[in-house]
Amino acid sequence: MTLRIARFVRPTLQALCAASLATLAACGGSVCIGFDGCVGSGPTSNLALAGTAATGKALASANVNVTCAQGAGAALSDGGGRYSLAFGATLPCMMTVTSGGTTLHSLAFAGGTFNTTPETELMIVYLAAQLGTSEANLIASFATNAQFQQALSNQSNVLAAQSAVVANLQQHYAVTLAVPAFLTTPFTVGQPGVDSDLDALAKAGAIDTNGMPDPAAVSLMTQAGLAQPLAKTSASAAVSAM
């Protein structure tokens, strides 16, 4: 009886192990759990990030903290609000820039230029609403929440949110933004481009005197994000896609 069970169990376990290893390989060395899809557990790679932190004026000597799906880094911005850092990480990454009483957030789905401004703050608000949560909870839970990581690692999700922020700001505040790609376009404070757009938004009332998005702008993006929820990926969809 014991021999029969062993003969049955052994090939079954072998098949399960083979399937698990195939799934792991398909995820690129990650673990796939439920609707969260592939959760990063593979080796980190060297990630280089740069950008400018500004509100219409530079956030000089600001603390820049980056938390990724795996890994973290920190830096100080220079006098023009520019920052750069390189460290071992697995994308995506949430960025927090703090200067005095101003704290702004952004995110990176790849290496390269990713700015931090009131526009990127509103983009995070929009994405949080799409995910059915608050901005505060998205930021606090990001490092351990595979669903959030999966959604923010998707470039299409992030760029669609960026476009939604631009469209809503332009319509509600009657401004024309010169640089719709505010997340990844390099800029210099005091020069036309992203910085002049921030000045225009401040004059229109979308950015307050502290350099933070006005509560009305936050409410606008929250409602817009709730109207465009991001669908959760089912376990079967995650497996079939790999």
Protein backbone atom coordinates (compact mmCIF):
# COMPACT_ATOMS: atom_id res chain seq x y z
CA MET A 1 0.00 0.00 0.00
CA THR A 2 2.82 2.38 0.94
CA LEU A 3 4.67 1.51 -2.25
CA ARG A 4 1.58 2.29 -4.37
CA ILE A 5 1.17 5.70 -2.73
CA ALA A 6 4.81 6.52 -3.24
CA ARG A 7 4.59 5.57 -6.92
CA PHE A 8 1.61 7.89 -7.34
CA VAL A 9 2.85 10.80 -5.24
CA ARG A 10 6.37 11.01 -6.62
CA PRO A 11 5.46 11.74 -10.27
CA THR A 12 2.69 14.07 -9.11
CA LEU A 13 5.14 16.07 -7.01
CA GLN A 14 7.61 16.09 -9.89
CA ALA A 15 4.94 17.49 -12.20
CA LEU A 16 3.99 20.17 -9.69
CA CYS A 17 7.63 21.15 -9.19
CA ALA A 18 8.17 21.35 -12.95
CA ALA A 19 5.10 23.55 -13.35
CA SER A 20 6.23 25.79 -10.50
CA LEU A 21 9.70 26.16 -11.97
CA ALA A 22 8.23 26.96 -15.39
CA THR A 23 6.01 29.62 -13.87
CA LEU A 24 8.93 31.07 -11.95
CA ALA A 25 11.04 31.23 -15.09
CA ALA A 26 8.21 32.84 -17.04
CA CYS A 27 7.99 35.54 -14.42
CA GLY A 28 11.66 36.30 -14.83
CA GLY A 29 12.67 34.85 -11.47
CA SER A 30 9.61 36.21 -9.66
CA VAL A 31 6.82 34.53 -7.76
CA CYS A 32 3.26 34.71 -9.14
CA ILE A 33 0.56 34.97 -6.47
CA GLY A 34 -3.13 35.37 -7.25
CA PHE A 35 -4.26 38.50 -9.05
CA ASP A 36 -1.08 40.30 -8.06
CA GLY A 37 0.83 38.61 -10.86
CA CYS A 38 4.60 38.44 -10.71
CA VAL A 39 6.05 39.64 -7.42
CA GLY A 40 9.72 40.58 -7.68
CA SER A 41 12.01 38.21 -5.82
CA GLY A 42 14.83 37.92 -8.32
CA PRO A 43 18.20 39.64 -8.21
CA THR A 44 18.32 43.43 -8.26
CA SER A 45 20.13 45.35 -10.98
CA ASN A 46 21.90 48.69 -10.93
CA LEU A 47 19.35 51.48 -11.38
CA ALA A 48 20.28 55.07 -12.28
CA LEU A 49 17.68 57.79 -11.71
CA ALA A 50 17.83 61.55 -12.20
CA GLY A 51 15.39 64.43 -12.28
CA THR A 52 14.45 67.85 -10.98
CA ALA A 53 12.37 68.65 -7.91
CA ALA A 54 10.52 71.94 -8.24
CA THR A 55 7.25 73.70 -7.54
CA GLY A 56 7.85 76.64 -9.86
CA LYS A 57 10.95 77.28 -7.79
CA ALA A 58 13.70 74.77 -7.15
CA LEU A 59 13.54 72.46 -4.15
CA ALA A 60 17.21 72.98 -3.30
CA SER A 61 19.07 70.74 -0.84
CA ALA A 62 15.95 68.59 -0.56
CA ASN A 63 15.98 65.04 0.75
CA VAL A 64 15.28 62.59 -2.06
CA ASN A 65 14.26 59.11 -0.91
CA VAL A 66 13.49 56.31 -3.34
CA THR A 67 11.78 53.06 -2.33
CA CYS A 68 11.53 50.31 -4.93
CA ALA A 69 9.91 46.90 -5.17
CA GLN A 70 13.34 45.79 -3.98
CA GLY A 71 16.05 48.18 -2.86
CA ALA A 72 16.16 51.82 -1.80
CA GLY A 73 18.32 54.87 -2.35
CA ALA A 74 18.70 58.44 -1.12
CA ALA A 75 20.29 61.68 -2.27
CA LEU A 76 20.20 65.45 -1.80
CA SER A 77 19.12 67.78 -4.59
CA ASP A 78 21.47 70.56 -5.66
CA GLY A 79 20.77 74.29 -5.76
CA GLY A 80 18.67 73.89 -8.90
CA GLY A 81 16.60 71.05 -7.47
CA ARG A 82 18.43 68.49 -9.58
CA TYR A 83 19.14 65.03 -8.19
CA SER A 84 20.76 61.82 -9.37
CA LEU A 85 21.44 58.49 -7.71
CA ALA A 86 22.37 54.93 -8.60
CA PHE A 87 21.74 51.82 -6.51
CA GLY A 88 20.70 48.18 -6.72
CA ALA A 89 16.95 47.91 -7.17
CA THR A 90 14.01 46.17 -8.77
CA LEU A 91 11.44 48.46 -10.39
CA PRO A 92 9.04 50.17 -9.94
CA CYS A 93 10.13 52.84 -7.46
CA MET A 94 8.26 55.44 -5.41
CA MET A 95 10.08 58.76 -4.93
CA THR A 96 9.62 61.19 -2.04
CA VAL A 97 11.21 64.64 -2.03
CA THR A 98 11.06 66.72 1.15
CA SER A 99 12.13 70.34 1.57
CA GLY A 100 10.95 72.20 4.66
CA GLY A 101 7.16 71.89 4.78
CA THR A 102 6.89 70.66 1.19
CA THR A 103 6.73 66.95 0.43
CA LEU A 104 6.13 65.76 -3.12
CA HIS A 105 6.00 62.30 -4.66
CA SER A 106 6.74 60.73 -8.00
CA LEU A 107 7.50 57.29 -9.40
CA ALA A 108 9.82 55.54 -11.82
CA PHE A 109 8.98 52.55 -14.01
CA ALA A 110 12.45 52.50 -15.64
CA GLY A 111 15.86 54.05 -15.27
CA GLY A 112 16.41 57.58 -16.55
CA THR A 113 14.80 60.97 -15.89
CA PHE A 114 11.83 61.08 -13.50
CA ASN A 115 10.93 64.49 -12.07
CA THR A 116 9.16 65.33 -8.82
CA THR A 117 6.71 68.23 -8.95
CA PRO A 118 3.14 69.12 -7.97
CA GLU A 119 2.12 67.59 -11.32
CA THR A 120 3.67 64.23 -10.41
CA GLU A 121 2.01 64.47 -6.99
CA LEU A 122 -1.37 64.81 -8.71
CA MET A 123 -0.49 61.87 -10.93
CA ILE A 124 0.06 59.71 -7.84
CA VAL A 125 -3.30 60.91 -6.48
CA TYR A 126 -4.96 59.88 -9.75
CA LEU A 127 -3.28 56.44 -9.79
CA ALA A 128 -4.20 55.81 -6.16
CA ALA A 129 -7.85 56.54 -6.94
CA GLN A 130 -7.68 54.18 -9.93
CA LEU A 131 -6.43 51.48 -7.55
CA GLY A 132 -9.28 52.13 -5.13
CA THR A 133 -7.13 53.58 -2.37
CA SER A 134 -5.84 56.90 -1.05
CA GLU A 135 -2.53 58.46 -1.99
CA ALA A 136 -1.32 58.09 1.60
CA ASN A 137 -2.11 54.36 1.63
CA LEU A 138 -0.58 53.79 -1.79
CA ILE A 139 2.69 55.36 -0.64
CA ALA A 140 2.72 53.65 2.76
CA SER A 141 1.88 50.20 1.34
CA PHE A 142 3.90 50.39 -1.86
CA ALA A 143 6.97 48.49 -0.62
CA THR A 144 4.95 45.41 0.38
CA ASN A 145 1.88 45.52 -1.88
CA ALA A 146 2.39 43.45 -5.03
CA GLN A 147 -0.79 44.75 -6.67
CA PHE A 148 0.38 48.35 -6.37
CA GLN A 149 3.84 47.44 -7.65
CA GLN A 150 2.43 45.60 -10.63
CA ALA A 151 0.18 48.51 -11.58
CA LEU A 152 2.92 51.13 -11.28
CA SER A 153 5.48 49.07 -13.17
CA ASN A 154 3.16 49.20 -16.19
CA GLN A 155 4.35 52.12 -18.31
CA SER A 156 0.99 52.34 -20.08
CA ASN A 157 -0.83 52.86 -16.76
CA VAL A 158 1.54 55.62 -15.70
CA LEU A 159 1.57 57.46 -19.02
CA ALA A 160 -2.22 57.28 -19.25
CA ALA A 161 -2.41 58.81 -15.76
CA GLN A 162 -0.01 61.55 -16.83
CA SER A 163 -2.24 62.36 -19.83
CA ALA A 164 -5.33 62.38 -17.62
CA VAL A 165 -3.71 64.86 -15.23
CA VAL A 166 -2.83 67.18 -18.12
CA ALA A 167 -6.32 66.97 -19.65
CA ASN A 168 -8.09 67.64 -16.36
CA LEU A 169 -5.82 70.51 -15.35
CA GLN A 170 -6.13 72.20 -18.73
CA GLN A 171 -9.90 71.89 -18.77
CA HIS A 172 -10.57 72.83 -15.14
CA TYR A 173 -8.03 75.65 -14.81
CA ALA A 174 -8.18 76.96 -18.38
CA VAL A 175 -4.42 76.67 -18.93
CA THR A 176 -2.40 75.27 -21.81
CA LEU A 177 0.54 73.19 -20.65
CA ALA A 178 3.61 73.34 -22.88
CA VAL A 179 5.03 69.98 -21.74
CA PRO A 180 2.44 67.19 -21.37
CA ALA A 181 5.23 64.67 -20.63
CA PHE A 182 6.02 66.33 -17.29
CA LEU A 183 7.20 63.12 -15.61
CA THR A 184 10.21 62.35 -17.80
CA THR A 185 11.11 65.59 -19.60
CA PRO A 186 14.36 67.13 -18.28
CA PHE A 187 13.98 70.77 -17.29
CA THR A 188 15.76 73.66 -15.64
CA VAL A 189 14.09 75.90 -13.08
CA GLY A 190 13.56 79.39 -14.50
CA GLN A 191 13.46 78.17 -18.09
CA PRO A 192 10.44 77.62 -20.37
CA GLY A 193 9.02 74.13 -20.25
CA VAL A 194 7.94 72.12 -17.23
CA ASP A 195 8.90 74.94 -14.87
CA SER A 196 6.90 77.58 -16.74
CA ASP A 197 3.93 75.18 -16.69
CA LEU A 198 4.24 75.00 -12.91
CA ASP A 199 4.24 78.80 -12.75
CA ALA A 200 1.09 78.88 -14.88
CA LEU A 201 -0.63 76.32 -12.65
CA ALA A 202 0.30 78.31 -9.55
CA LYS A 203 -1.19 81.47 -11.05
CA ALA A 204 -4.35 79.55 -11.95
CA GLY A 205 -4.71 78.27 -8.36
CA ALA A 206 -3.87 74.60 -8.92
CA ILE A 207 -0.70 74.92 -6.78
CA ASP A 208 -0.79 76.68 -3.40
CA THR A 209 1.75 79.05 -1.88
CA ASN A 210 3.61 76.15 -0.25
CA GLY A 211 4.18 74.50 -3.61
CA MET A 212 1.64 71.75 -2.94
CA PRO A 213 -1.35 70.88 -5.14
CA ASP A 214 -4.40 72.84 -4.06
CA PRO A 215 -7.09 70.68 -2.32
CA ALA A 216 -9.46 71.41 -5.21
CA ALA A 217 -6.91 69.99 -7.67
CA VAL A 218 -6.42 66.92 -5.46
CA SER A 219 -10.19 66.38 -5.34
CA LEU A 220 -10.39 66.81 -9.11
CA MET A 221 -7.79 64.09 -9.72
CA THR A 222 -9.32 61.79 -7.12
CA GLN A 223 -12.71 61.92 -8.81
CA ALA A 224 -11.14 61.52 -12.26
CA GLY A 225 -9.16 58.45 -11.12
CA LEU A 226 -12.19 56.84 -9.47
CA ALA A 227 -14.01 57.14 -12.79
CA GLN A 228 -11.23 55.15 -14.54
CA PRO A 229 -10.40 52.21 -12.25
CA LEU A 230 -7.54 49.85 -13.07
CA ALA A 231 -8.76 46.28 -13.40
CA LYS A 232 -7.17 43.66 -11.16
CA THR A 233 -5.39 40.86 -12.99
CA SER A 234 -6.92 37.48 -12.24
CA ALA A 235 -4.78 34.45 -11.42
CA SER A 236 -5.77 32.72 -14.67
CA ALA A 237 -5.00 35.83 -16.73
CA ALA A 238 -1.63 36.18 -15.04
CA VAL A 239 -0.73 32.57 -15.81
CA SER A 240 -1.96 32.67 -19.42
CA ALA A 241 -0.05 35.89 -20.08
CA MET A 242 3.26 34.36 -19.01
